[in-house]
C-alpha atoms as a PDB file:
ATOM      1  CA  MET A   1       0.000   0.000   0.000  1.00  0.00           C
ATOM      2  CA  ALA A   2       1.252   3.491  -0.845  1.00  0.00           C
ATOM      3  CA  ILE A   3       0.535   6.993   0.384  1.00  0.00           C
ATOM      4  CA  VAL A   4       0.498   9.907  -2.037  1.00  0.00           C
ATOM      5  CA  ASP A   5       0.647  13.528  -0.912  1.00  0.00           C
ATOM      6  CA  ILE A   6      -0.858  15.640  -3.686  1.00  0.00           C
ATOM      7  CA  THR A   7      -1.276  19.383  -4.109  1.00  0.00           C
ATOM      8  CA  VAL A   8      -3.151  20.560  -7.202  1.00  0.00           C
ATOM      9  CA  ILE A   9      -2.688  24.263  -7.903  1.00  0.00           C
ATOM     10  CA  PRO A  10      -4.822  25.976 -10.555  1.00  0.00           C
ATOM     11  CA  VAL A  11      -2.909  29.007 -11.834  1.00  0.00           C
ATOM     12  CA  GLY A  12      -4.327  32.203 -13.323  1.00  0.00           C
ATOM     13  CA  THR A  13      -7.830  31.884 -11.930  1.00  0.00           C
ATOM     14  CA  ALA A  14     -10.115  34.842 -11.256  1.00  0.00           C
ATOM     15  CA  SER A  15      -9.468  34.610  -7.507  1.00  0.00           C
ATOM     16  CA  PRO A  16      -6.446  33.838  -5.344  1.00  0.00           C
ATOM     17  CA  SER A  17      -8.640  31.400  -3.396  1.00  0.00           C
ATOM     18  CA  VAL A  18      -8.524  27.767  -4.514  1.00  0.00           C
ATOM     19  CA  SER A  19     -10.880  26.226  -1.940  1.00  0.00           C
ATOM     20  CA  TRP A  20     -13.594  25.734  -4.579  1.00  0.00           C
ATOM     21  CA  TYR A  21     -11.182  23.663  -6.681  1.00  0.00           C
ATOM     22  CA  VAL A  22     -10.086  21.668  -3.625  1.00  0.00           C
ATOM     23  CA  ALA A  23     -13.734  20.931  -2.810  1.00  0.00           C
ATOM     24  CA  GLU A  24     -14.271  19.714  -6.384  1.00  0.00           C
ATOM     25  CA  LEU A  25     -11.250  17.421  -6.074  1.00  0.00           C
ATOM     26  CA  HIS A  26     -12.666  15.938  -2.869  1.00  0.00           C
ATOM     27  CA  LYS A  27     -16.082  15.460  -4.452  1.00  0.00           C
ATOM     28  CA  PHE A  28     -14.272  13.501  -7.171  1.00  0.00           C
ATOM     29  CA  LEU A  29     -12.429  11.387  -4.592  1.00  0.00           C
ATOM     30  CA  GLN A  30     -15.706  10.390  -2.928  1.00  0.00           C
ATOM     31  CA  GLN A  31     -16.390   7.950  -5.759  1.00  0.00           C
ATOM     32  CA  TYR A  32     -13.352   5.927  -4.633  1.00  0.00           C
ATOM     33  CA  GLU A  33     -14.450   5.521  -1.000  1.00  0.00           C
ATOM     34  CA  GLY A  34     -13.925   1.916  -0.022  1.00  0.00           C
ATOM     35  CA  SER A  35     -11.010   1.328  -2.386  1.00  0.00           C
ATOM     36  CA  ILE A  36      -8.792   4.193  -1.147  1.00  0.00           C
ATOM     37  CA  LYS A  37      -8.525   6.384   1.918  1.00  0.00           C
ATOM     38  CA  TYR A  38      -8.026  10.111   1.614  1.00  0.00           C
ATOM     39  CA  GLU A  39      -7.535  12.986   3.999  1.00  0.00           C
ATOM     40  CA  LEU A  40      -7.697  16.739   3.494  1.00  0.00           C
ATOM     41  CA  THR A  41      -4.957  18.698   5.249  1.00  0.00           C
ATOM     42  CA  ALA A  42      -4.381  22.433   5.373  1.00  0.00           C
ATOM     43  CA  MET A  43      -1.820  22.287   2.567  1.00  0.00           C
ATOM     44  CA  SER A  44      -2.515  19.111   0.561  1.00  0.00           C
ATOM     45  CA  THR A  45      -4.504  15.912   0.277  1.00  0.00           C
ATOM     46  CA  LEU A  46      -3.216  12.506   1.311  1.00  0.00           C
ATOM     47  CA  ILE A  47      -4.488   9.434  -0.508  1.00  0.00           C
ATOM     48  CA  GLU A  48      -3.711   5.841   0.446  1.00  0.00           C
ATOM     49  CA  GLY A  49      -4.140   2.671  -1.565  1.00  0.00           C
ATOM     50  CA  ASP A  50      -2.682   0.558  -4.351  1.00  0.00           C
ATOM     51  CA  LEU A  51       0.022   2.580  -6.126  1.00  0.00           C
ATOM     52  CA  LYS A  52      -1.206   1.791  -9.641  1.00  0.00           C
ATOM     53  CA  GLU A  53      -4.711   2.974  -8.759  1.00  0.00           C
ATOM     54  CA  LEU A  54      -3.371   6.057  -6.984  1.00  0.00           C
ATOM     55  CA  LEU A  55      -1.314   7.091 -10.008  1.00  0.00           C
ATOM     56  CA  LYS A  56      -4.408   6.897 -12.216  1.00  0.00           C
ATOM     57  CA  ILE A  57      -6.306   8.994  -9.665  1.00  0.00           C
ATOM     58  CA  VAL A  58      -3.451  11.526  -9.535  1.00  0.00           C
ATOM     59  CA  GLN A  59      -3.717  12.017 -13.295  1.00  0.00           C
ATOM     60  CA  GLN A  60      -7.475  12.530 -13.022  1.00  0.00           C
ATOM     61  CA  LEU A  61      -7.040  15.005 -10.160  1.00  0.00           C
ATOM     62  CA  HIS A  62      -4.530  16.957 -12.245  1.00  0.00           C
ATOM     63  CA  GLU A  63      -6.997  17.139 -15.156  1.00  0.00           C
ATOM     64  CA  LEU A  64     -10.011  18.176 -13.087  1.00  0.00           C
ATOM     65  CA  PRO A  65      -9.180  21.915 -12.764  1.00  0.00           C
ATOM     66  CA  PHE A  66      -8.792  22.085 -16.564  1.00  0.00           C
ATOM     67  CA  GLU A  67     -12.283  20.623 -16.875  1.00  0.00           C
ATOM     68  CA  LYS A  68     -13.486  23.337 -14.456  1.00  0.00           C
ATOM     69  CA  GLY A  69     -12.016  26.162 -16.544  1.00  0.00           C
ATOM     70  CA  ALA A  70      -8.433  26.560 -15.331  1.00  0.00           C
ATOM     71  CA  GLN A  71      -5.937  27.312 -18.091  1.00  0.00           C
ATOM     72  CA  ARG A  72      -2.856  26.178 -16.190  1.00  0.00           C
ATOM     73  CA  VAL A  73      -2.398  23.619 -13.408  1.00  0.00           C
ATOM     74  CA  CYS A  74       0.686  22.809 -11.342  1.00  0.00           C
ATOM     75  CA  THR A  75       0.540  19.533  -9.421  1.00  0.00           C
ATOM     76  CA  ASN A  76       3.021  18.450  -6.780  1.00  0.00           C
ATOM     77  CA  ILE A  77       3.116  14.829  -5.620  1.00  0.00           C
ATOM     78  CA  ARG A  78       5.163  12.863  -3.119  1.00  0.00           C
ATOM     79  CA  ILE A  79       4.899   9.086  -2.925  1.00  0.00           C
ATOM     80  CA  ASP A  80       5.665   6.961   0.133  1.00  0.00           C
ATOM     81  CA  ASP A  81       5.717   3.350  -1.052  1.00  0.00           C
ATOM     82  CA  ARG A  82       7.017   1.052   1.684  1.00  0.00           C
ATOM     83  CA  ARG A  83       7.108  -2.617   0.711  1.00  0.00           C
ATOM     84  CA  ASP A  84       8.697  -4.309   3.718  1.00  0.00           C
ATOM     85  CA  LYS A  85       5.472  -3.977   5.753  1.00  0.00           C
ATOM     86  CA  ASP A  86       1.956  -2.586   5.484  1.00  0.00           C
ATOM     87  CA  LEU A  87       1.907   1.197   5.693  1.00  0.00           C
ATOM     88  CA  THR A  88      -1.082   3.363   6.546  1.00  0.00           C
ATOM     89  CA  MET A  89      -1.478   7.044   7.291  1.00  0.00           C
ATOM     90  CA  GLU A  90      -2.761   6.213  10.777  1.00  0.00           C
ATOM     91  CA  GLN A  91       0.194   3.949  11.559  1.00  0.00           C
ATOM     92  CA  LYS A  92       2.685   6.626  10.521  1.00  0.00           C
ATOM     93  CA  VAL A  93       1.070   9.208  12.800  1.00  0.00           C
ATOM     94  CA  LYS A  94       0.721   6.744  15.665  1.00  0.00           C
ATOM     95  CA  SER A  95       4.403   5.806  15.404  1.00  0.00           C
ATOM     96  CA  VAL A  96       5.446   9.434  15.871  1.00  0.00           C
ATOM     97  CA  GLN A  97       2.925  10.051  18.656  1.00  0.00           C
ATOM     98  CA  GLN A  98       4.274   7.081  20.598  1.00  0.00           C
ATOM     99  CA  LYS A  99       7.702   8.655  20.511  1.00  0.00           C
ATOM    100  CA  LEU A 100       6.541  12.030  21.850  1.00  0.00           C
END
């Protein structure tokens, strides 16, 4: 299982606010409930699941602002793909919390 940290940034929109676009991205992600987990953070969205499926979703998330009228989109992704043991967002946070 992999975790992807994704930030989709529509550029050149009518407003400096992007919360509407972020909400649209999360509406899109709702269709994958049950096959992936996702979490909105203040600066990005985390998605967890099978890497092949996540990469397809990342491409769709990148395209979505174009479909909503954006003329330019910058997308940043980070992938955490640990294969020696199961990895979840909750386990990563819990591991750090136990050390505090």
